[in-house]
Amino acid sequence: MIERRDVQFRSGDSYAAAWSFLPDQVQSGARVPAVAMAHGLGAVKEMYLEPFARRFAEAGIAALLFDYRFFGASGGEPRQRIFPRDQIEDYILYLLLLAHHYYYFFQSNGHISICISIFNIDAKN
């Protein structure tokens, strides 16, 4: 059974709240692929992302679902206000945390798709 864990990380002047779903291989110290997930714009992690994260974890891919700053369980004021630049920074933060803090396997390039655009992050820089 894949366990859901609550996690929080500093994001800007506030914090972002997340759930992590770790595959069984992580318990043995194995490095695994990982994915950061959030809805586009103003939706929150409780809005039907959990089944996808669980499926990733069952397939051996660590998943981290998060709420953007100003939304859901994350902090920040004003509430429910969309700041695309901050949302991009939140995604970058979580990808870097997956790559470095959790020590998961991370390819040199990651692609993020949200409803307003597509971003390419080069982890080598």
C-alpha atoms as a PDB file:
ATOM      1  CA  MET A   1       0.000   0.000   0.000  1.00  0.00           C
ATOM      2  CA  ILE A   2       1.403   3.390  -1.006  1.00  0.00           C
ATOM      3  CA  GLU A   3       1.479   5.793   1.934  1.00  0.00           C
ATOM      4  CA  ARG A   4       0.641   9.493   1.590  1.00  0.00           C
ATOM      5  CA  ARG A   5       2.864  11.802   3.659  1.00  0.00           C
ATOM      6  CA  ASP A   6       2.273  15.498   4.366  1.00  0.00           C
ATOM      7  CA  VAL A   7       5.295  17.681   3.677  1.00  0.00           C
ATOM      8  CA  GLN A   8       5.969  21.428   3.658  1.00  0.00           C
ATOM      9  CA  PHE A   9       8.788  23.412   2.111  1.00  0.00           C
ATOM     10  CA  ARG A  10       9.707  27.070   2.102  1.00  0.00           C
ATOM     11  CA  SER A  11       8.518  28.797  -1.043  1.00  0.00           C
ATOM     12  CA  GLY A  12       9.197  32.497  -1.475  1.00  0.00           C
ATOM     13  CA  ASP A  13       8.146  34.358   1.660  1.00  0.00           C
ATOM     14  CA  SER A  14       5.797  31.567   2.668  1.00  0.00           C
ATOM     15  CA  TYR A  15       5.548  27.799   2.346  1.00  0.00           C
ATOM     16  CA  ALA A  16       4.038  25.299  -0.039  1.00  0.00           C
ATOM     17  CA  ALA A  17       2.171  22.265   1.274  1.00  0.00           C
ATOM     18  CA  ALA A  18       2.538  18.930  -0.460  1.00  0.00           C
ATOM     19  CA  TRP A  19       1.856  15.213  -0.303  1.00  0.00           C
ATOM     20  CA  SER A  20       4.562  12.718  -1.164  1.00  0.00           C
ATOM     21  CA  PHE A  21       3.897   9.230  -2.506  1.00  0.00           C
ATOM     22  CA  LEU A  22       6.981   7.044  -2.403  1.00  0.00           C
ATOM     23  CA  PRO A  23       7.453   3.717  -4.169  1.00  0.00           C
ATOM     24  CA  ASP A  24       8.554   0.697  -2.146  1.00  0.00           C
ATOM     25  CA  GLN A  25      12.041   0.804  -3.696  1.00  0.00           C
ATOM     26  CA  VAL A  26      12.829   4.019  -1.749  1.00  0.00           C
ATOM     27  CA  GLN A  27      12.772   2.100   1.553  1.00  0.00           C
ATOM     28  CA  SER A  28      15.750   0.039   0.382  1.00  0.00           C
ATOM     29  CA  GLY A  29      17.674   3.189  -0.501  1.00  0.00           C
ATOM     30  CA  ALA A  30      17.210   2.903  -4.261  1.00  0.00           C
ATOM     31  CA  ARG A  31      17.134   6.070  -6.350  1.00  0.00           C
ATOM     32  CA  VAL A  32      13.947   6.313  -8.366  1.00  0.00           C
ATOM     33  CA  PRO A  33      12.467   8.623 -11.010  1.00  0.00           C
ATOM     34  CA  ALA A  34      10.283  11.368  -9.568  1.00  0.00           C
ATOM     35  CA  VAL A  35       7.559  13.727 -10.716  1.00  0.00           C
ATOM     36  CA  ALA A  36       6.243  16.976  -9.201  1.00  0.00           C
ATOM     37  CA  MET A  37       2.543  17.551  -9.793  1.00  0.00           C
ATOM     38  CA  ALA A  38       0.134  20.442  -9.351  1.00  0.00           C
ATOM     39  CA  HIS A  39      -2.954  21.641 -11.121  1.00  0.00           C
ATOM     40  CA  GLY A  40      -2.784  24.537 -13.522  1.00  0.00           C
ATOM     41  CA  LEU A  41      -3.733  27.930 -12.142  1.00  0.00           C
ATOM     42  CA  GLY A  42      -6.035  27.837  -9.110  1.00  0.00           C
ATOM     43  CA  ALA A  43      -6.953  24.233  -8.389  1.00  0.00           C
ATOM     44  CA  VAL A  44      -5.566  22.361  -5.354  1.00  0.00           C
ATOM     45  CA  LYS A  45      -3.992  18.949  -4.842  1.00  0.00           C
ATOM     46  CA  GLU A  46      -7.186  17.451  -3.390  1.00  0.00           C
ATOM     47  CA  MET A  47      -8.890  17.897  -6.757  1.00  0.00           C
ATOM     48  CA  TYR A  48      -8.323  14.416  -8.209  1.00  0.00           C
ATOM     49  CA  LEU A  49      -4.535  14.298  -8.481  1.00  0.00           C
ATOM     50  CA  GLU A  50      -4.049  11.688  -5.746  1.00  0.00           C
ATOM     51  CA  PRO A  51      -5.064   8.670  -7.896  1.00  0.00           C
ATOM     52  CA  PHE A  52      -2.462   9.665 -10.489  1.00  0.00           C
ATOM     53  CA  ALA A  53       0.245  10.110  -7.840  1.00  0.00           C
ATOM     54  CA  ARG A  54      -0.572   6.708  -6.328  1.00  0.00           C
ATOM     55  CA  ARG A  55      -0.348   5.076  -9.743  1.00  0.00           C
ATOM     56  CA  PHE A  56       3.040   6.693 -10.380  1.00  0.00           C
ATOM     57  CA  ALA A  57       4.299   5.384  -7.017  1.00  0.00           C
ATOM     58  CA  GLU A  58       2.964   1.891  -7.746  1.00  0.00           C
ATOM     59  CA  ALA A  59       4.949   2.011 -11.002  1.00  0.00           C
ATOM     60  CA  GLY A  60       8.156   2.930  -9.126  1.00  0.00           C
ATOM     61  CA  ILE A  61       8.044   6.708  -9.643  1.00  0.00           C
ATOM     62  CA  ALA A  62       8.036   8.993  -6.601  1.00  0.00           C
ATOM     63  CA  ALA A  63       5.301  11.636  -6.821  1.00  0.00           C
ATOM     64  CA  LEU A  64       5.051  14.943  -5.033  1.00  0.00           C
ATOM     65  CA  LEU A  65       1.696  16.767  -5.237  1.00  0.00           C
ATOM     66  CA  PHE A  66       1.655  20.356  -4.101  1.00  0.00           C
ATOM     67  CA  ASP A  67      -0.530  23.412  -3.708  1.00  0.00           C
ATOM     68  CA  TYR A  68       0.840  26.647  -5.085  1.00  0.00           C
ATOM     69  CA  ARG A  69       1.513  29.498  -2.679  1.00  0.00           C
ATOM     70  CA  PHE A  70      -1.728  31.342  -1.850  1.00  0.00           C
ATOM     71  CA  PHE A  71      -3.859  28.219  -2.500  1.00  0.00           C
ATOM     72  CA  GLY A  72      -5.137  25.245  -0.543  1.00  0.00           C
ATOM     73  CA  ALA A  73      -2.999  24.146   2.399  1.00  0.00           C
ATOM     74  CA  SER A  74      -0.061  26.334   1.332  1.00  0.00           C
ATOM     75  CA  GLY A  75       0.576  29.680   2.962  1.00  0.00           C
ATOM     76  CA  GLY A  76       0.770  33.184   1.623  1.00  0.00           C
ATOM     77  CA  GLU A  77      -1.394  36.252   1.230  1.00  0.00           C
ATOM     78  CA  PRO A  78      -3.504  37.306  -0.570  1.00  0.00           C
ATOM     79  CA  ARG A  79      -5.396  34.018  -0.742  1.00  0.00           C
ATOM     80  CA  GLN A  80      -6.650  32.542  -4.035  1.00  0.00           C
ATOM     81  CA  ARG A  81      -4.656  35.004  -6.131  1.00  0.00           C
ATOM     82  CA  ILE A  82      -2.855  33.721  -9.207  1.00  0.00           C
ATOM     83  CA  PHE A  83       0.754  34.831  -9.697  1.00  0.00           C
ATOM     84  CA  PRO A  84       2.126  32.837 -12.662  1.00  0.00           C
ATOM     85  CA  ARG A  85       5.747  33.760 -11.867  1.00  0.00           C
ATOM     86  CA  ASP A  86       5.353  32.404  -8.321  1.00  0.00           C
ATOM     87  CA  GLN A  87       3.712  29.225  -9.622  1.00  0.00           C
ATOM     88  CA  ILE A  88       6.659  28.658 -11.954  1.00  0.00           C
ATOM     89  CA  GLU A  89       9.043  29.229  -9.023  1.00  0.00           C
ATOM     90  CA  ASP A  90       7.074  26.712  -6.937  1.00  0.00           C
ATOM     91  CA  TYR A  91       7.450  24.083  -9.667  1.00  0.00           C
ATOM     92  CA  ILE A  92      11.174  24.756  -9.988  1.00  0.00           C
ATOM     93  CA  LEU A  93      11.561  24.502  -6.205  1.00  0.00           C
ATOM     94  CA  TYR A  94       9.856  21.112  -6.079  1.00  0.00           C
ATOM     95  CA  LEU A  95      11.830  19.744  -9.022  1.00  0.00           C
ATOM     96  CA  LEU A  96      15.066  20.830  -7.357  1.00  0.00           C
ATOM     97  CA  LEU A  97      13.953  19.324  -4.045  1.00  0.00           C
ATOM     98  CA  LEU A  98      13.219  16.052  -5.788  1.00  0.00           C
ATOM     99  CA  ALA A  99      16.608  16.130  -7.489  1.00  0.00           C
ATOM    100  CA  HIS A 100      18.728  17.153  -4.517  1.00  0.00           C
ATOM    101  CA  HIS A 101      16.956  16.902  -1.176  1.00  0.00           C
ATOM    102  CA  TYR A 102      15.353  13.518  -1.728  1.00  0.00           C
ATOM    103  CA  TYR A 103      18.247  12.239  -3.864  1.00  0.00           C
ATOM    104  CA  TYR A 104      15.980  10.742  -6.489  1.00  0.00           C
ATOM    105  CA  PHE A 105      17.194   9.956  -9.973  1.00  0.00           C
ATOM    106  CA  PHE A 106      16.697  13.069 -12.096  1.00  0.00           C
ATOM    107  CA  GLN A 107      17.260  13.324 -15.839  1.00  0.00           C
ATOM    108  CA  SER A 108      19.173  16.338 -17.126  1.00  0.00           C
ATOM    109  CA  ASN A 109      15.987  17.866 -18.563  1.00  0.00           C
ATOM    110  CA  GLY A 110      12.491  17.953 -17.145  1.00  0.00           C
ATOM    111  CA  HIS A 111       9.382  19.112 -18.910  1.00  0.00           C
ATOM    112  CA  ILE A 112       6.507  20.723 -17.088  1.00  0.00           C
ATOM    113  CA  SER A 113       3.173  21.315 -18.682  1.00  0.00           C
ATOM    114  CA  ILE A 114       0.612  23.576 -17.084  1.00  0.00           C
ATOM    115  CA  CYS A 115      -2.404  25.113 -18.695  1.00  0.00           C
ATOM    116  CA  ILE A 116      -0.769  28.455 -19.454  1.00  0.00           C
ATOM    117  CA  SER A 117       2.475  27.263 -21.037  1.00  0.00           C
ATOM    118  CA  ILE A 118       5.194  24.623 -21.251  1.00  0.00           C
ATOM    119  CA  PHE A 119       8.554  25.098 -19.558  1.00  0.00           C
ATOM    120  CA  ASN A 120      11.864  23.341 -20.089  1.00  0.00           C
ATOM    121  CA  ILE A 121      14.158  23.282 -17.074  1.00  0.00           C
ATOM    122  CA  ASP A 122      17.796  22.443 -17.648  1.00  0.00           C
ATOM    123  CA  ALA A 123      19.040  20.871 -14.397  1.00  0.00           C
ATOM    124  CA  LYS A 124      22.672  21.187 -15.511  1.00  0.00           C
ATOM    125  CA  ASN A 125      22.691  24.970 -14.912  1.00  0.00           C
END
